[in-house]
N, C-alpha and C. Protein backbone atom coordinates (compact mmCIF):
# COMPACT_ATOMS: atom_id res chain seq x y z
N MET A 1 68.64 4.43 32.37
CA MET A 1 67.55 3.22 32.06
C MET A 1 66.14 2.88 33.08
N PRO A 2 66.73 2.83 34.41
CA PRO A 2 65.37 2.38 34.93
C PRO A 2 64.24 3.77 34.47
N ASP A 3 64.76 4.67 34.55
CA ASP A 3 63.79 5.48 34.36
C ASP A 3 62.80 5.38 33.12
N LYS A 4 63.36 4.97 32.00
CA LYS A 4 62.61 4.55 30.64
C LYS A 4 61.93 3.18 30.80
N LEU A 5 62.13 2.04 31.78
CA LEU A 5 61.73 1.02 31.73
C LEU A 5 60.39 1.53 33.03
N ASP A 6 60.56 2.45 33.81
CA ASP A 6 59.42 2.84 34.38
C ASP A 6 58.34 3.58 33.71
N LEU A 7 58.93 4.39 32.84
CA LEU A 7 57.93 4.89 31.55
C LEU A 7 57.26 4.09 30.56
N ILE A 8 58.18 3.21 30.38
CA ILE A 8 57.43 2.00 29.37
C ILE A 8 56.41 1.33 30.21
N LEU A 9 56.69 0.99 31.88
CA LEU A 9 55.53 0.30 32.49
C LEU A 9 54.39 0.93 32.63
N GLN A 10 54.82 2.33 32.64
CA GLN A 10 53.47 2.89 33.19
C GLN A 10 52.63 3.13 31.73
N LYS A 11 53.22 3.40 30.63
CA LYS A 11 52.63 3.46 29.50
C LYS A 11 51.99 1.98 29.28
N LEU A 12 52.62 0.95 29.56
CA LEU A 12 51.61 -0.62 29.33
C LEU A 12 50.70 -0.36 30.40
N ASP A 13 50.86 -0.05 31.51
CA ASP A 13 49.65 0.13 32.42
C ASP A 13 48.44 0.89 31.83
N SER A 14 48.85 2.07 31.42
CA SER A 14 47.86 2.98 30.86
C SER A 14 47.03 2.27 29.79
N ILE A 15 48.08 1.38 28.99
CA ILE A 15 47.35 0.72 27.90
C ILE A 15 46.51 -0.26 28.22
N GLU A 16 46.90 -1.13 29.07
CA GLU A 16 46.36 -2.01 29.91
C GLU A 16 45.09 -1.55 30.48
N SER A 17 45.16 -0.50 30.96
CA SER A 17 43.79 0.03 31.73
C SER A 17 42.68 0.49 30.35
N LYS A 18 43.05 1.11 29.58
CA LYS A 18 42.37 1.76 28.12
C LYS A 18 41.51 0.34 27.86
N VAL A 19 42.39 -0.89 27.61
CA VAL A 19 41.90 -2.13 26.98
C VAL A 19 40.85 -2.80 27.69
N SER A 20 40.90 -2.99 29.02
CA SER A 20 40.41 -3.40 29.72
C SER A 20 38.73 -2.03 30.13
N MET A 21 38.85 -1.27 29.85
CA MET A 21 37.84 -0.18 29.94
C MET A 21 37.01 -0.37 28.99
N MET A 22 37.65 -0.74 27.30
CA MET A 22 37.45 -0.92 26.37
C MET A 22 36.28 -2.47 26.41
N ASP A 23 37.11 -3.65 26.73
CA ASP A 23 36.39 -4.87 27.04
C ASP A 23 34.97 -4.43 28.07
N GLU A 24 35.34 -3.79 28.90
CA GLU A 24 33.93 -3.33 29.58
C GLU A 24 32.91 -2.66 28.93
N ARG A 25 33.53 -1.75 28.09
CA ARG A 25 31.87 -1.06 27.20
C ARG A 25 31.70 -2.30 26.00
N LEU A 26 32.90 -3.45 25.49
CA LEU A 26 32.03 -4.06 24.50
C LEU A 26 31.39 -5.22 25.47
N LEU A 27 31.41 -5.63 26.64
CA LEU A 27 30.49 -6.67 27.08
C LEU A 27 29.11 -5.86 27.16
N HIS A 28 29.53 -4.44 27.77
CA HIS A 28 27.85 -3.52 27.93
C HIS A 28 27.23 -3.65 26.44
N VAL A 29 27.87 -3.56 25.20
CA VAL A 29 27.10 -3.22 24.35
C VAL A 29 26.88 -4.54 23.75
N GLU A 30 27.43 -5.92 23.76
CA GLU A 30 27.00 -7.04 23.67
C GLU A 30 25.48 -7.33 24.42
N SER A 31 25.73 -6.88 25.36
CA SER A 31 24.39 -7.23 26.50
C SER A 31 23.51 -6.35 25.93
N ILE A 32 23.75 -5.30 25.82
CA ILE A 32 22.24 -4.45 24.82
C ILE A 32 22.31 -5.28 23.66
N GLN A 33 22.77 -5.65 22.70
CA GLN A 33 22.32 -6.05 21.56
C GLN A 33 21.58 -7.57 21.72
N LYS A 34 22.12 -8.13 22.69
CA LYS A 34 21.33 -9.30 23.06
C LYS A 34 19.73 -9.14 23.44
N GLN A 35 20.04 -8.07 24.41
CA GLN A 35 18.50 -7.43 25.06
C GLN A 35 17.50 -6.84 24.01
N HIS A 36 18.21 -6.56 22.70
CA HIS A 36 17.43 -5.93 21.69
C HIS A 36 16.93 -7.15 20.62
N GLY A 37 18.08 -7.87 20.81
CA GLY A 37 17.96 -9.23 19.88
C GLY A 37 16.41 -9.91 20.26
N ASP A 38 16.45 -9.92 21.82
CA ASP A 38 15.33 -10.81 22.69
C ASP A 38 13.96 -9.78 22.39
N MET A 39 14.48 -8.75 22.36
CA MET A 39 13.14 -7.75 22.79
C MET A 39 12.57 -7.77 20.65
N ILE A 40 13.25 -8.05 19.81
CA ILE A 40 12.59 -7.85 18.45
C ILE A 40 12.22 -9.90 18.19
N THR A 41 12.53 -10.43 18.81
CA THR A 41 12.36 -11.80 18.75
C THR A 41 11.07 -11.93 19.36
N GLN A 42 10.68 -11.03 20.75
CA GLN A 42 9.25 -11.27 21.17
C GLN A 42 7.90 -10.46 20.13
N LEU A 43 8.80 -9.04 19.98
CA LEU A 43 8.06 -8.25 18.86
C LEU A 43 7.46 -9.12 17.58
N ILE A 44 8.40 -9.94 17.11
CA ILE A 44 8.02 -10.82 15.77
C ILE A 44 6.80 -11.82 16.40
N GLY A 45 6.80 -12.37 17.53
CA GLY A 45 5.74 -13.37 17.91
C GLY A 45 4.59 -12.25 18.26
N ILE A 46 4.86 -11.06 18.95
CA ILE A 46 3.58 -10.19 18.94
C ILE A 46 2.85 -9.93 17.62
N VAL A 47 3.76 -9.56 16.66
CA VAL A 47 3.18 -9.30 15.30
C VAL A 47 2.35 -10.21 14.72
N ALA A 48 3.29 -11.83 14.65
CA ALA A 48 2.17 -12.62 14.31
C ALA A 48 1.10 -13.04 15.01
N SER A 49 0.86 -13.19 15.84
CA SER A 49 -0.11 -12.99 16.70
C SER A 49 -1.35 -12.22 16.48
N THR A 50 -0.76 -10.87 16.63
CA THR A 50 -1.78 -9.65 16.03
C THR A 50 -2.38 -10.01 14.55
N ASN A 51 -1.47 -10.44 13.88
CA ASN A 51 -1.99 -10.36 12.50
C ASN A 51 -2.81 -11.83 12.33
N GLN A 52 -2.53 -13.22 13.04
CA GLN A 52 -3.75 -13.91 12.94
C GLN A 52 -4.87 -13.41 13.48
N LYS A 53 -5.14 -12.62 14.85
CA LYS A 53 -6.05 -12.33 15.32
C LYS A 53 -6.97 -11.32 14.33
N VAL A 54 -6.38 -10.33 13.67
CA VAL A 54 -6.87 -9.85 12.51
C VAL A 54 -7.39 -10.64 11.54
N SER A 55 -6.80 -11.83 11.11
CA SER A 55 -7.38 -12.40 10.22
C SER A 55 -8.55 -13.07 10.59
N ASP A 56 -8.45 -13.67 11.91
CA ASP A 56 -9.73 -13.94 12.57
C ASP A 56 -10.99 -13.31 12.21
N MET A 57 -10.32 -12.10 12.69
CA MET A 57 -11.79 -11.22 12.74
C MET A 57 -12.13 -10.40 11.60
N GLN A 58 -11.48 -10.41 10.30
CA GLN A 58 -11.90 -10.11 8.94
C GLN A 58 -12.58 -11.40 8.47
N THR A 59 -12.11 -12.67 8.67
CA THR A 59 -13.07 -13.66 8.23
C THR A 59 -14.72 -13.72 9.08
N ASP A 60 -14.56 -13.28 10.35
CA ASP A 60 -15.85 -13.10 11.39
C ASP A 60 -16.52 -11.81 10.77
N ILE A 61 -16.12 -11.17 10.45
CA ILE A 61 -16.56 -9.97 10.02
C ILE A 61 -17.17 -10.20 8.55
N SER A 62 -16.52 -10.87 7.34
CA SER A 62 -17.14 -11.41 6.57
C SER A 62 -18.60 -12.46 6.48
N ALA A 63 -18.53 -13.39 7.87
CA ALA A 63 -19.63 -14.17 7.69
C ALA A 63 -20.72 -13.02 8.41
N LEU A 64 -20.50 -11.85 9.53
CA LEU A 64 -21.48 -10.89 9.44
C LEU A 64 -22.19 -10.20 8.53
N ILE A 65 -21.10 -9.86 7.60
CA ILE A 65 -21.33 -9.29 6.58
C ILE A 65 -22.89 -10.08 5.84
N GLU A 66 -22.32 -11.23 5.67
CA GLU A 66 -23.46 -12.41 4.83
C GLU A 66 -24.36 -12.35 5.66
N GLY A 67 -24.19 -13.06 6.73
CA GLY A 67 -25.79 -12.75 7.57
C GLY A 67 -26.59 -11.55 7.63
N GLN A 68 -25.95 -10.23 7.69
CA GLN A 68 -26.75 -8.80 7.35
C GLN A 68 -27.43 -9.13 6.24
N LYS A 69 -26.78 -9.60 4.74
CA LYS A 69 -27.12 -9.30 3.93
C LYS A 69 -28.57 -10.15 3.84
N ARG A 70 -28.32 -11.52 4.28
CA ARG A 70 -29.48 -12.50 4.21
C ARG A 70 -30.82 -12.02 5.01
N GLN A 71 -30.39 -11.37 6.30
CA GLN A 71 -31.31 -10.55 7.12
C GLN A 71 -32.03 -9.85 6.17
N ASP A 72 -31.14 -9.03 5.83
CA ASP A 72 -31.83 -7.77 4.70
C ASP A 72 -33.00 -8.27 3.52
N LYS A 73 -32.61 -9.32 3.16
CA LYS A 73 -33.36 -10.31 2.32
C LYS A 73 -34.66 -10.66 3.00
N ILE A 74 -34.43 -11.12 3.97
CA ILE A 74 -35.59 -11.63 4.71
C ILE A 74 -36.72 -10.86 5.16
N ILE A 75 -35.72 -9.31 5.36
CA ILE A 75 -37.12 -8.35 6.16
C ILE A 75 -37.76 -7.60 4.93
N GLU A 76 -36.69 -7.47 3.65
CA GLU A 76 -37.57 -6.76 2.13
C GLU A 76 -38.77 -7.99 1.94
N SER A 77 -38.47 -8.97 2.16
CA SER A 77 -39.43 -10.39 1.81
C SER A 77 -40.71 -10.14 2.61
N LEU A 78 -40.53 -9.79 4.23
CA LEU A 78 -41.46 -9.50 5.01
C LEU A 78 -42.10 -8.64 5.01
N ALA A 79 -41.52 -7.34 4.79
CA ALA A 79 -42.25 -6.16 4.24
C ALA A 79 -43.00 -6.47 3.03
N LEU A 80 -42.37 -6.62 1.83
CA LEU A 80 -43.64 -7.15 1.02
C LEU A 80 -44.64 -7.81 1.41
N ARG A 81 -44.27 -8.95 1.83
CA ARG A 81 -45.69 -10.06 2.45
C ARG A 81 -46.53 -8.98 3.14
N SER A 82 -46.08 -8.40 4.16
CA SER A 82 -47.01 -7.59 4.92
C SER A 82 -47.70 -6.76 4.11
N LEU A 83 -47.08 -5.80 3.08
CA LEU A 83 -48.04 -4.80 2.11
C LEU A 83 -49.04 -5.92 1.61
N GLU A 84 -48.26 -7.05 0.77
CA GLU A 84 -49.82 -7.66 0.28
C GLU A 84 -50.85 -8.02 1.02
N GLN A 85 -50.39 -8.58 2.59
CA GLN A 85 -51.67 -9.00 3.09
C GLN A 85 -52.36 -7.76 3.67
N GLU A 86 -52.04 -6.43 3.80
CA GLU A 86 -52.53 -5.22 4.02
C GLU A 86 -53.41 -5.00 3.01
N THR A 87 -53.07 -5.27 1.76
CA THR A 87 -54.12 -4.91 0.47
C THR A 87 -55.12 -6.10 0.50
N GLU A 88 -54.89 -7.22 0.98
CA GLU A 88 -55.88 -8.29 0.96
C GLU A 88 -56.77 -8.12 1.97
N LEU A 89 -56.45 -7.53 3.28
CA LEU A 89 -57.28 -7.20 4.37
C LEU A 89 -58.17 -6.09 4.15
N ARG A 90 -57.78 -4.97 2.93
CA ARG A 90 -58.54 -3.85 2.91
C ARG A 90 -59.58 -4.34 1.72
N GLU A 91 -58.95 -5.29 0.82
CA GLU A 91 -59.76 -5.78 -0.13
C GLU A 91 -61.41 -6.46 0.22
N ILE A 92 -60.64 -7.31 1.40
CA ILE A 92 -61.87 -8.21 2.05
C ILE A 92 -62.74 -6.93 2.70
N LYS A 93 -62.12 -6.12 3.17
CA LYS A 93 -63.14 -5.03 4.31
C LYS A 93 -64.03 -4.32 3.05
N ARG A 94 -63.51 -4.27 1.59
CA ARG A 94 -64.52 -3.54 0.87
C ARG A 94 -65.47 -4.22 0.55
N ALA A 95 -64.74 -5.58 0.39
CA ALA A 95 -65.83 -6.58 0.06
C ALA A 95 -67.29 -6.64 0.80
N LYS A 96 -66.92 -6.27 2.10
CA LYS A 96 -67.92 -6.82 3.14
C LYS A 96 -69.01 -5.90 2.86
């Protein structure tokens, strides 16, 4: 009978040891899971910030494009005016 009790106690010790190891593994997995959750939260913040910067840049680029269009029209107008003035100067020189 004592042999059977010893055998049962050994088995219980073995089971207890395995349960303890599983508890440690579970704690490790939970720790890793929390780290991943924290990283995901940080990444979400970074992505939101990046999206805002991209949106701001798109607004700035649109303003630059509009400014460039205005400048192109001004340059075109000045070029036309310059041609007109050159023509007038030639006509004045011919008239002399």
